[in-house]
Amino acid sequence: MAFKFENLKVWQRSLEFTLEIDRLIKKFPDNEKFALSSQMKRAGDSISLNIAEGSTGQSNKEFARFLGISLRSGIEVVGCLHIGKKRGIVPEEDFLRMYNELEEIIKMIQALRNSLK
């Protein structure tokens, strides 16, 4: 693989997580297509995109900054999951599975960020 981020397990896992988001939002009702689903998709994509963007040609301080953005995007997806669950459009099973996966991804991002200091 040609780029540093492609070898990062956290990037690979966050990329896979975007597919989970896609599968989930396809089940959303039409009235959520340009609201919660759009927000969740953008925040989910932002997790892996910021890991990629920050990893290449940046100082450790700058990479840590991008990882911070990635963390906040992950927390935003957690918030979206809660909203979707409250609105009755995210089933409990999907909520728990995705919540647990995000928890692991966020821990991985935090560990990577801490290793840069």
Protein backbone atom coordinates (compact mmCIF):
# COMPACT_ATOMS: atom_id res chain seq x y z
CA MET A 1 0.00 0.00 0.00
CA ALA A 2 1.34 3.35 -1.02
CA PHE A 3 0.02 5.61 1.72
CA LYS A 4 0.77 5.44 5.45
CA PHE A 5 -2.89 5.58 6.52
CA GLU A 6 -3.77 2.49 4.46
CA ASN A 7 -1.76 0.37 6.89
CA LEU A 8 -3.42 1.79 9.99
CA LYS A 9 -5.86 -0.70 11.53
CA VAL A 10 -7.96 2.16 12.86
CA TRP A 11 -8.37 3.59 9.37
CA GLN A 12 -9.28 0.18 7.94
CA ARG A 13 -11.83 -0.36 10.69
CA SER A 14 -13.33 3.12 10.33
CA LEU A 15 -13.61 2.58 6.58
CA GLU A 16 -15.55 -0.62 7.18
CA PHE A 17 -17.75 1.26 9.63
CA THR A 18 -18.85 3.62 6.85
CA LEU A 19 -20.40 0.58 5.16
CA GLU A 20 -22.35 -0.14 8.35
CA ILE A 21 -23.69 3.39 8.29
CA ASP A 22 -24.71 3.01 4.65
CA ARG A 23 -26.58 -0.20 5.41
CA LEU A 24 -28.36 1.39 8.35
CA ILE A 25 -29.47 4.59 6.66
CA LYS A 26 -30.89 2.70 3.68
CA LYS A 27 -33.57 1.53 6.12
CA PHE A 28 -34.45 5.10 7.19
CA PRO A 29 -37.78 6.58 6.10
CA ASP A 30 -37.77 9.09 3.24
CA ASN A 31 -38.34 12.04 5.56
CA GLU A 32 -34.91 11.36 7.14
CA LYS A 33 -32.97 11.06 3.87
CA PHE A 34 -31.73 14.65 3.92
CA ALA A 35 -31.71 15.12 7.67
CA LEU A 36 -30.33 12.57 10.11
CA SER A 37 -29.09 10.12 7.47
CA SER A 38 -27.09 12.83 5.71
CA GLN A 39 -25.59 14.05 8.98
CA MET A 40 -24.70 10.52 10.07
CA LYS A 41 -23.13 9.67 6.71
CA ARG A 42 -21.00 12.82 6.63
CA ALA A 43 -19.83 12.37 10.23
CA GLY A 44 -19.07 8.68 9.63
CA ASP A 45 -17.08 9.42 6.50
CA SER A 46 -15.22 12.15 8.39
CA ILE A 47 -13.78 9.60 10.82
CA SER A 48 -11.75 7.77 8.19
CA LEU A 49 -11.13 10.82 6.00
CA ASN A 50 -9.50 12.79 8.81
CA ILE A 51 -7.29 9.85 9.76
CA ALA A 52 -6.16 9.66 6.14
CA GLU A 53 -5.69 13.38 5.66
CA GLY A 54 -3.76 13.88 8.88
CA SER A 55 -1.44 10.92 8.46
CA THR A 56 0.41 11.91 5.34
CA GLY A 57 3.12 14.55 5.25
CA GLN A 58 2.12 16.08 8.56
CA SER A 59 3.93 16.60 11.82
CA ASN A 60 2.83 14.49 14.78
CA LYS A 61 1.17 17.59 16.25
CA GLU A 62 -0.82 18.16 13.07
CA PHE A 63 -1.73 14.47 12.79
CA ALA A 64 -2.95 14.57 16.41
CA ARG A 65 -5.15 17.56 15.48
CA PHE A 66 -6.76 15.61 12.63
CA LEU A 67 -7.24 12.63 14.94
CA GLY A 68 -9.08 14.98 17.31
CA ILE A 69 -11.44 15.92 14.48
CA SER A 70 -11.89 12.22 13.74
CA LEU A 71 -12.76 11.58 17.40
CA ARG A 72 -15.36 14.34 17.41
CA SER A 73 -16.89 12.92 14.23
CA GLY A 74 -17.16 9.54 15.93
CA ILE A 75 -18.93 11.12 18.89
CA GLU A 76 -21.24 12.89 16.44
CA VAL A 77 -22.21 9.50 14.98
CA VAL A 78 -22.91 8.26 18.52
CA GLY A 79 -25.23 11.25 18.95
CA CYS A 80 -26.95 10.44 15.66
CA LEU A 81 -27.46 6.85 16.76
CA HIS A 82 -29.13 8.06 19.95
CA ILE A 83 -31.39 10.42 18.02
CA GLY A 84 -32.31 7.67 15.57
CA LYS A 85 -33.05 5.29 18.39
CA LYS A 86 -35.26 7.89 20.11
CA ARG A 87 -37.13 8.51 16.85
CA GLY A 88 -37.69 4.78 16.40
CA ILE A 89 -35.69 4.49 13.17
CA VAL A 90 -32.58 2.79 14.60
CA PRO A 91 -33.43 -0.65 15.96
CA GLU A 92 -31.92 -1.57 19.33
CA GLU A 93 -29.82 -4.35 17.78
CA ASP A 94 -28.26 -1.98 15.20
CA PHE A 95 -27.78 0.68 17.86
CA LEU A 96 -25.87 -1.65 20.19
CA ARG A 97 -23.73 -3.18 17.44
CA MET A 98 -22.75 0.17 15.95
CA TYR A 99 -22.33 1.86 19.34
CA ASN A 100 -19.93 -0.89 20.45
CA GLU A 101 -17.98 -0.71 17.19
CA LEU A 102 -17.67 3.07 17.50
CA GLU A 103 -16.51 2.72 21.08
CA GLU A 104 -13.67 0.49 19.89
CA ILE A 105 -12.77 2.78 16.97
CA ILE A 106 -12.71 5.80 19.26
CA LYS A 107 -10.42 3.97 21.71
CA MET A 108 -8.11 3.12 18.82
CA ILE A 109 -8.02 6.74 17.66
CA GLN A 110 -7.30 7.92 21.20
CA ALA A 111 -4.48 5.39 21.56
CA LEU A 112 -2.97 6.46 18.26
CA ARG A 113 -3.23 10.12 19.24
CA ASN A 114 -1.62 9.43 22.63
CA SER A 115 1.26 7.59 20.92
CA LEU A 116 2.10 10.75 18.95
CA LYS A 117 2.87 12.82 22.05
